[in-house]
Amino acid sequence: MGKGKAAAQTSHASLQAFLSCGEKTRSKWLSTGAMKVVLKVQSEKELLTLYALAKKRRLPCALVHDAGKTQIPAGSLTALAIGPAEDNAVDELTGELKLF
């Protein structure tokens, strides 16, 4: 997936996770700078494991599957957003990942 496609997919995931939060969480996140960090995983399995852990910990999260209109096949898993949440809660799951 190209850089622009990756940017779009991460944006979709971020927005979906943001919208899944309560108003208090959204307001706090927006008022503190709406921090986002883009990381990479090595496989779809790793992405799904992180998603399952985030769900288990009741963190806001969203998976994105592509519509297949441009570069990759429809239904392909492309991105995961975790948060908005406290930094330490997200870091427990993602702290070992490398920056994208």
Protein backbone atom coordinates (compact mmCIF):
# COMPACT_ATOMS: atom_id res chain seq x y z
CA MET A 1 0.00 0.00 0.00
CA GLY A 2 1.36 3.41 -0.93
CA LYS A 3 2.03 6.21 1.54
CA GLY A 4 -1.11 8.12 0.62
CA LYS A 5 -3.26 5.00 0.93
CA ALA A 6 -1.69 4.22 4.32
CA ALA A 7 -2.39 7.78 5.47
CA ALA A 8 -6.03 7.50 4.41
CA GLN A 9 -6.47 4.14 6.14
CA THR A 10 -4.98 5.38 9.40
CA SER A 11 -7.23 8.43 9.21
CA HIS A 12 -10.28 6.20 8.79
CA ALA A 13 -9.27 4.10 11.81
CA SER A 14 -8.51 7.14 13.96
CA LEU A 15 -11.86 8.75 13.19
CA GLN A 16 -13.80 5.53 13.86
CA ALA A 17 -12.09 5.02 17.23
CA PHE A 18 -12.64 8.69 18.14
CA LEU A 19 -16.34 8.46 17.34
CA SER A 20 -16.71 5.32 19.45
CA CYS A 21 -15.70 7.23 22.62
CA GLY A 22 -17.90 9.16 24.95
CA GLU A 23 -18.08 12.94 24.74
CA LYS A 24 -15.90 13.41 27.84
CA THR A 25 -13.07 11.34 26.32
CA ARG A 26 -13.37 13.10 22.95
CA SER A 27 -13.32 16.56 24.56
CA LYS A 28 -10.30 15.73 26.73
CA TRP A 29 -8.38 14.32 23.75
CA LEU A 30 -9.17 17.34 21.57
CA SER A 31 -8.29 19.82 24.33
CA THR A 32 -4.90 18.20 24.92
CA GLY A 33 -3.71 18.27 21.31
CA ALA A 34 -5.35 15.16 19.78
CA MET A 35 -2.05 13.26 19.75
CA LYS A 36 -1.64 10.50 17.19
CA VAL A 37 1.28 8.12 16.71
CA VAL A 38 1.49 5.87 13.65
CA LEU A 39 3.21 2.54 14.18
CA LYS A 40 3.73 -0.56 12.08
CA VAL A 41 3.19 -4.25 12.66
CA GLN A 42 4.73 -7.22 10.89
CA SER A 43 1.55 -9.11 10.06
CA GLU A 44 -2.21 -9.16 9.98
CA LYS A 45 -2.09 -11.65 12.86
CA GLU A 46 -0.22 -9.11 15.00
CA LEU A 47 -2.78 -6.43 14.14
CA LEU A 48 -5.65 -8.73 15.12
CA THR A 49 -3.91 -9.69 18.38
CA LEU A 50 -3.51 -6.01 19.30
CA TYR A 51 -7.15 -5.40 18.47
CA ALA A 52 -8.26 -8.29 20.70
CA LEU A 53 -6.11 -7.01 23.57
CA ALA A 54 -7.45 -3.47 23.19
CA LYS A 55 -11.03 -4.76 23.19
CA LYS A 56 -10.30 -6.92 26.26
CA ARG A 57 -8.97 -3.86 28.08
CA ARG A 58 -12.00 -1.86 26.98
CA LEU A 59 -9.91 0.70 25.11
CA PRO A 60 -11.53 2.58 22.24
CA CYS A 61 -10.36 0.91 19.04
CA ALA A 62 -11.30 0.39 15.42
CA LEU A 63 -10.20 -1.93 12.63
CA VAL A 64 -10.39 -0.81 9.01
CA HIS A 65 -10.99 -3.10 6.04
CA ASP A 66 -10.44 -1.55 2.64
CA ALA A 67 -13.31 -1.09 0.18
CA GLY A 68 -11.09 -2.27 -2.68
CA LYS A 69 -11.59 0.71 -4.96
CA THR A 70 -7.92 1.54 -5.53
CA GLN A 71 -4.73 -0.32 -4.61
CA ILE A 72 -5.68 -3.39 -2.62
CA PRO A 73 -8.40 -6.07 -2.66
CA ALA A 74 -11.77 -5.40 -1.04
CA GLY A 75 -11.95 -6.55 2.54
CA SER A 76 -8.21 -6.34 3.16
CA LEU A 77 -7.36 -5.41 6.76
CA THR A 78 -5.39 -2.17 6.57
CA ALA A 79 -5.32 -0.31 9.89
CA LEU A 80 -6.06 -0.35 13.60
CA ALA A 81 -6.55 2.64 15.86
CA ILE A 82 -6.32 2.34 19.63
CA GLY A 83 -7.48 5.31 21.67
CA PRO A 84 -8.05 8.04 22.56
CA ALA A 85 -6.90 6.68 25.90
CA GLU A 86 -4.28 7.32 28.55
CA ASP A 87 -0.77 7.06 27.11
CA ASN A 88 0.30 4.28 29.47
CA ALA A 89 -2.74 2.15 28.58
CA VAL A 90 -1.92 2.32 24.87
CA ASP A 91 1.83 1.98 25.43
CA GLU A 92 1.30 -1.30 27.29
CA LEU A 93 0.03 -2.75 24.00
CA THR A 94 2.11 -0.87 21.47
CA GLY A 95 5.29 0.18 23.26
CA GLU A 96 7.48 -2.31 21.38
CA LEU A 97 6.27 -1.33 17.89
CA LYS A 98 8.37 0.79 15.55
CA LEU A 99 7.28 4.10 14.07
CA PHE A 100 5.78 3.92 10.58
